[in-house]
């Protein structure tokens, strides 16, 4: 069963748009929650095919848009709401993820007969990997963690750093989206949120505190997030498993839009290795 563009309403907060992919057989199955990355969204590229592959292995797969990723309820693809994007920050993404987990583990959930509440895996891609690491380190409900091409630190990302004095003076700075040609705004609150929550947002510390099985998958020649970052994550959590992939880019050779009905070979490897890790 594939249910797209469902809406999680929240009091005094922007709603979250999410998709579910699962076999509706009323049998409890592992819950897998996928977190997209920076300038990403749940419908990017081949993510639907990824979701279907997990569901075909009798896993309950959820993907969602972070509430301030720049999409809207009516237009969840790309970035029609740059005002919301400007007000995004790491703390909001962690709250979004918590609300998604709460929604699917609630005794009032319409999905409860199809979900094993004791078997919850987080998967995060790129920046979403950092969010997933932090959440897995602080939430005892998470039982496994997988990151795909994850960052290892938020403090050195271009969205967090830069000419701080000019950023503070202007109140906003812009990052070009090379695909959509939009200048994506970051209000100065993004930096303040990072500074004010620096301890919580320390990925290295979170990695060292992880107590759940952790699979790290990263392309050796990733041009966007260096493979050195994967090596750091593995160093900080020696119990983790590091899978290094050759001949692949940051999105495992997928692209947006993705029109084929099969996964690129590298992404297929990522998905199958992830499914095996959960199983």
Protein backbone atom coordinates (compact mmCIF):
# COMPACT_ATOMS: atom_id res chain seq x y z
CA UNK A 1 0.00 0.00 0.00
CA UNK A 2 1.27 3.44 -0.97
CA UNK A 3 -0.26 6.54 0.62
CA UNK A 4 1.20 9.83 -0.56
CA UNK A 5 1.05 13.38 0.78
CA UNK A 6 -0.62 12.72 4.09
CA UNK A 7 -0.66 15.60 6.53
CA UNK A 8 0.37 15.63 10.18
CA UNK A 9 -1.26 18.66 11.78
CA UNK A 10 0.42 20.20 14.83
CA UNK A 11 -0.71 22.92 17.21
CA UNK A 12 0.96 26.28 16.50
CA UNK A 13 3.40 24.65 14.08
CA UNK A 14 3.58 24.04 10.36
CA UNK A 15 2.15 20.67 9.30
CA UNK A 16 4.38 17.84 8.11
CA UNK A 17 3.68 16.10 4.80
CA UNK A 18 4.55 12.40 4.72
CA UNK A 19 4.22 9.19 2.67
CA UNK A 20 3.79 5.61 3.82
CA UNK A 21 4.75 2.47 1.90
CA UNK A 22 3.84 -0.91 3.42
CA UNK A 23 2.11 -4.25 3.00
CA UNK A 24 -1.30 -3.85 4.64
CA UNK A 25 -1.45 -7.35 6.14
CA UNK A 26 -2.06 -6.38 9.80
CA UNK A 27 1.26 -7.98 10.75
CA UNK A 28 3.67 -5.89 12.89
CA UNK A 29 6.71 -4.96 10.80
CA UNK A 30 9.85 -2.90 11.40
CA UNK A 31 9.28 0.82 11.07
CA UNK A 32 11.81 2.64 8.85
CA UNK A 33 11.79 6.45 8.86
CA UNK A 34 13.77 8.30 6.20
CA UNK A 35 15.13 11.83 6.68
CA UNK A 36 16.03 13.81 3.55
CA UNK A 37 19.00 16.14 3.34
CA UNK A 38 19.72 19.83 2.82
CA UNK A 39 17.81 21.31 -0.12
CA UNK A 40 16.04 17.94 -0.29
CA UNK A 41 12.49 16.65 -0.13
CA UNK A 42 10.70 13.32 0.22
CA UNK A 43 9.84 13.06 -3.50
CA UNK A 44 13.32 13.82 -4.79
CA UNK A 45 14.68 11.60 -7.55
CA UNK A 46 14.37 7.89 -6.88
CA UNK A 47 13.17 8.07 -3.25
CA UNK A 48 9.75 6.61 -4.21
CA UNK A 49 11.44 3.58 -5.77
CA UNK A 50 13.58 3.26 -2.65
CA UNK A 51 10.44 3.27 -0.49
CA UNK A 52 8.76 0.62 -2.63
CA UNK A 53 11.80 -1.62 -2.38
CA UNK A 54 11.72 -1.48 1.42
CA UNK A 55 7.96 -2.12 1.46
CA UNK A 56 8.40 -5.13 -0.82
CA UNK A 57 10.59 -6.65 1.89
CA UNK A 58 7.74 -6.26 4.40
CA UNK A 59 9.11 -3.16 6.08
CA UNK A 60 6.93 -0.16 6.97
CA UNK A 61 8.65 2.76 5.23
CA UNK A 62 7.93 6.41 6.01
CA UNK A 63 9.42 9.44 4.29
CA UNK A 64 8.48 13.02 5.04
CA UNK A 65 9.30 16.63 4.31
CA UNK A 66 10.81 18.58 7.15
CA UNK A 67 8.25 21.26 7.93
CA UNK A 68 10.48 24.16 6.89
CA UNK A 69 12.24 22.54 3.94
CA UNK A 70 10.63 25.00 1.52
CA UNK A 71 7.80 22.77 0.29
CA UNK A 72 4.13 23.16 1.11
CA UNK A 73 1.20 20.80 1.72
CA UNK A 74 -0.15 21.52 -1.75
CA UNK A 75 3.24 21.61 -3.46
CA UNK A 76 5.58 19.23 -1.60
CA UNK A 77 8.09 19.05 -4.47
CA UNK A 78 10.83 21.68 -4.73
CA UNK A 79 10.74 24.99 -2.86
CA UNK A 80 7.73 27.28 -3.37
CA UNK A 81 7.92 28.58 0.23
CA UNK A 82 11.32 30.22 0.64
CA UNK A 83 10.06 32.19 3.64
CA UNK A 84 9.67 28.90 5.51
CA UNK A 85 13.06 27.69 4.26
CA UNK A 86 14.64 30.85 5.71
CA UNK A 87 13.21 29.99 9.13
CA UNK A 88 14.41 26.37 9.16
CA UNK A 89 17.03 25.19 11.64
CA UNK A 90 18.42 21.99 13.14
CA UNK A 91 16.21 22.14 16.23
CA UNK A 92 13.06 22.35 14.12
CA UNK A 93 14.16 19.32 12.12
CA UNK A 94 14.74 17.34 15.32
CA UNK A 95 11.28 18.36 16.55
CA UNK A 96 9.75 17.33 13.22
CA UNK A 97 11.39 13.91 13.44
CA UNK A 98 10.19 13.48 17.02
CA UNK A 99 6.63 14.34 16.00
CA UNK A 100 6.77 11.83 13.14
CA UNK A 101 8.00 9.09 15.50
CA UNK A 102 5.29 9.98 18.01
CA UNK A 103 2.66 9.84 15.30
CA UNK A 104 3.59 6.35 14.16
CA UNK A 105 4.11 4.90 17.63
CA UNK A 106 0.91 6.26 19.12
CA UNK A 107 -1.68 3.77 20.36
CA UNK A 108 -4.17 5.85 18.39
CA UNK A 109 -2.27 5.40 15.14
CA UNK A 110 -4.30 3.97 12.26
CA UNK A 111 -1.16 1.99 11.38
CA UNK A 112 -0.55 0.36 14.75
CA UNK A 113 -1.47 -3.16 13.58
CA UNK A 114 1.17 -2.93 10.88
CA UNK A 115 4.06 -1.56 12.98
CA UNK A 116 6.36 -3.23 15.47
CA UNK A 117 6.91 -0.43 17.99
CA UNK A 118 9.99 -2.24 19.32
CA UNK A 119 11.76 -2.16 15.95
CA UNK A 120 12.41 1.36 14.67
CA UNK A 121 15.19 2.27 12.24
CA UNK A 122 16.17 5.80 11.26
CA UNK A 123 17.77 6.40 7.87
CA UNK A 124 19.24 9.81 7.13
CA UNK A 125 20.77 11.10 3.92
CA UNK A 126 23.40 13.88 3.98
CA UNK A 127 22.30 16.52 6.52
CA UNK A 128 19.43 14.20 7.42
CA UNK A 129 22.10 11.74 8.52
CA UNK A 130 23.29 14.18 11.15
CA UNK A 131 19.73 14.68 12.36
CA UNK A 132 19.21 10.90 12.52
CA UNK A 133 22.44 10.39 14.49
CA UNK A 134 21.45 12.98 17.09
CA UNK A 135 17.95 11.56 17.43
CA UNK A 136 19.17 7.97 17.72
CA UNK A 137 21.58 9.02 20.49
CA UNK A 138 18.86 10.60 22.61
CA UNK A 139 15.69 8.60 21.92
CA UNK A 140 15.50 5.07 23.40
CA UNK A 141 12.73 4.11 20.96
CA UNK A 142 15.25 3.95 18.11
CA UNK A 143 16.69 0.46 17.72
CA UNK A 144 18.87 0.84 14.59
CA UNK A 145 20.52 3.66 12.67
CA UNK A 146 21.63 3.92 9.03
CA UNK A 147 23.22 6.95 7.41
CA UNK A 148 23.72 7.51 3.69
CA UNK A 149 26.46 10.00 2.73
CA UNK A 150 26.05 11.70 6.09
CA UNK A 151 27.75 14.82 7.35
CA UNK A 152 29.85 14.45 10.50
CA UNK A 153 29.56 18.02 11.83
CA UNK A 154 27.07 20.85 11.54
CA UNK A 155 29.43 23.60 12.64
CA UNK A 156 31.53 23.54 9.48
CA UNK A 157 28.69 23.42 6.94
CA UNK A 158 28.31 26.39 4.61
CA UNK A 159 24.73 26.83 5.80
CA UNK A 160 26.05 27.37 9.35
CA UNK A 161 29.31 29.23 8.70
CA UNK A 162 30.31 32.11 6.45
CA UNK A 163 30.77 35.84 6.94
CA UNK A 164 29.05 36.02 10.31
CA UNK A 165 29.28 39.79 10.71
CA UNK A 166 27.73 40.42 7.30
CA UNK A 167 25.11 37.72 7.91
CA UNK A 168 24.21 39.27 11.26
CA UNK A 169 24.07 42.76 9.74
CA UNK A 170 21.90 41.72 6.79
CA UNK A 171 19.80 39.27 8.81
CA UNK A 172 19.84 36.82 5.90
CA UNK A 173 22.28 35.13 3.53
CA UNK A 174 21.63 33.17 0.35
CA UNK A 175 22.80 29.84 -1.03
CA UNK A 176 22.26 29.12 -4.72
CA UNK A 177 20.34 25.98 -5.63
CA UNK A 178 22.13 25.01 -8.84
CA UNK A 179 19.24 22.83 -10.03
CA UNK A 180 16.29 25.18 -9.47
CA UNK A 181 18.38 28.39 -9.82
CA UNK A 182 16.76 29.75 -6.65
CA UNK A 183 18.67 31.79 -4.12
CA UNK A 184 17.78 29.90 -0.94
CA UNK A 185 17.63 32.22 2.10
CA UNK A 186 18.97 31.47 5.57
CA UNK A 187 17.92 33.92 8.24
CA UNK A 188 20.50 34.62 10.94
CA UNK A 189 18.34 32.66 13.40
CA UNK A 190 19.79 29.51 11.78
CA UNK A 191 23.23 30.35 13.17
CA UNK A 192 21.82 31.38 16.55
CA UNK A 193 19.93 28.09 16.85
CA UNK A 194 23.15 26.19 16.21
CA UNK A 195 25.14 28.22 18.75
CA UNK A 196 22.43 28.04 21.41
CA UNK A 197 22.12 24.27 21.00
CA UNK A 198 25.73 23.45 20.22
CA UNK A 199 26.03 20.67 22.81
CA UNK A 200 22.93 18.86 21.60
CA UNK A 201 23.95 19.31 17.96
CA UNK A 202 27.45 17.86 18.46
CA UNK A 203 27.39 14.90 16.06
CA UNK A 204 30.74 13.57 17.30
CA UNK A 205 29.49 13.41 20.88
CA UNK A 206 26.20 11.85 19.77
CA UNK A 207 28.07 9.25 17.72
CA UNK A 208 30.14 8.26 20.74
CA UNK A 209 26.99 7.88 22.84
CA UNK A 210 25.14 5.64 20.38
CA UNK A 211 24.12 2.27 21.82
CA UNK A 212 22.26 0.90 18.80
CA UNK A 213 23.63 -0.95 15.74
CA UNK A 214 24.83 1.63 13.21
CA UNK A 215 25.47 1.23 9.46
CA UNK A 216 27.40 3.97 7.64
CA UNK A 217 27.22 3.98 3.82
CA UNK A 218 29.24 6.51 1.84
CA UNK A 219 30.70 6.92 -1.64
CA UNK A 220 34.51 7.00 -1.66
CA UNK A 221 34.52 9.80 -4.23
CA UNK A 222 31.50 11.73 -2.92
CA UNK A 223 32.07 15.30 -4.21
CA UNK A 224 29.58 16.92 -1.82
CA UNK A 225 30.32 15.30 1.56
CA UNK A 226 33.82 13.90 1.75
CA UNK A 227 34.36 10.21 2.54
CA UNK A 228 36.60 11.48 5.34
CA UNK A 229 33.39 12.41 7.18
CA UNK A 230 32.23 8.78 7.05
CA UNK A 231 35.61 7.70 8.40
CA UNK A 232 35.19 10.13 11.28
CA UNK A 233 31.73 8.75 12.12
CA UNK A 234 33.15 5.24 12.11
CA UNK A 235 36.12 6.30 14.25
CA UNK A 236 33.80 7.84 16.83
CA UNK A 237 31.68 4.69 16.92
CA UNK A 238 34.00 1.71 16.33
CA UNK A 239 31.10 -0.72 16.76
CA UNK A 240 29.53 0.71 13.63
CA UNK A 241 29.78 -0.87 10.18
CA UNK A 242 31.27 1.25 7.38
CA UNK A 243 30.37 0.38 3.79
CA UNK A 244 32.52 2.28 1.26
CA UNK A 245 31.12 2.41 -2.27
CA UNK A 246 33.25 3.08 -5.36
CA UNK A 247 32.15 4.93 -8.48
CA UNK A 248 29.23 6.80 -6.98
CA UNK A 249 28.30 10.37 -6.13
CA UNK A 250 26.51 11.99 -3.19
CA UNK A 251 23.10 10.65 -4.26
CA UNK A 252 24.39 7.23 -5.36
CA UNK A 253 24.03 8.09 -9.05
CA UNK A 254 20.35 9.03 -8.86
CA UNK A 255 19.12 12.44 -10.02
CA UNK A 256 15.98 14.56 -10.08
CA UNK A 257 13.72 13.88 -11.79
CA UNK A 258 14.24 10.11 -11.97
CA UNK A 259 12.15 8.65 -14.78
CA UNK A 260 13.38 5.04 -14.88
CA UNK A 261 11.43 2.31 -13.08
CA UNK A 262 14.59 0.80 -11.60
CA UNK A 263 17.20 2.09 -9.18
CA UNK A 264 20.69 3.10 -10.28
CA UNK A 265 23.08 0.29 -9.42
CA UNK A 266 24.84 2.12 -6.59
CA UNK A 267 21.58 3.14 -4.93
CA UNK A 268 20.28 -0.41 -5.30
CA UNK A 269 23.32 -1.63 -3.38
CA UNK A 270 22.67 0.99 -0.68
CA UNK A 271 19.04 -0.09 -0.33
CA UNK A 272 19.71 -3.84 -0.30
CA UNK A 273 22.54 -3.50 2.23
CA UNK A 274 20.28 -1.36 4.40
CA UNK A 275 17.43 -3.86 4.23
CA UNK A 276 19.80 -6.69 5.15
CA UNK A 277 21.10 -4.66 8.10
CA UNK A 278 17.56 -4.12 9.41
CA UNK A 279 16.66 -7.77 8.92
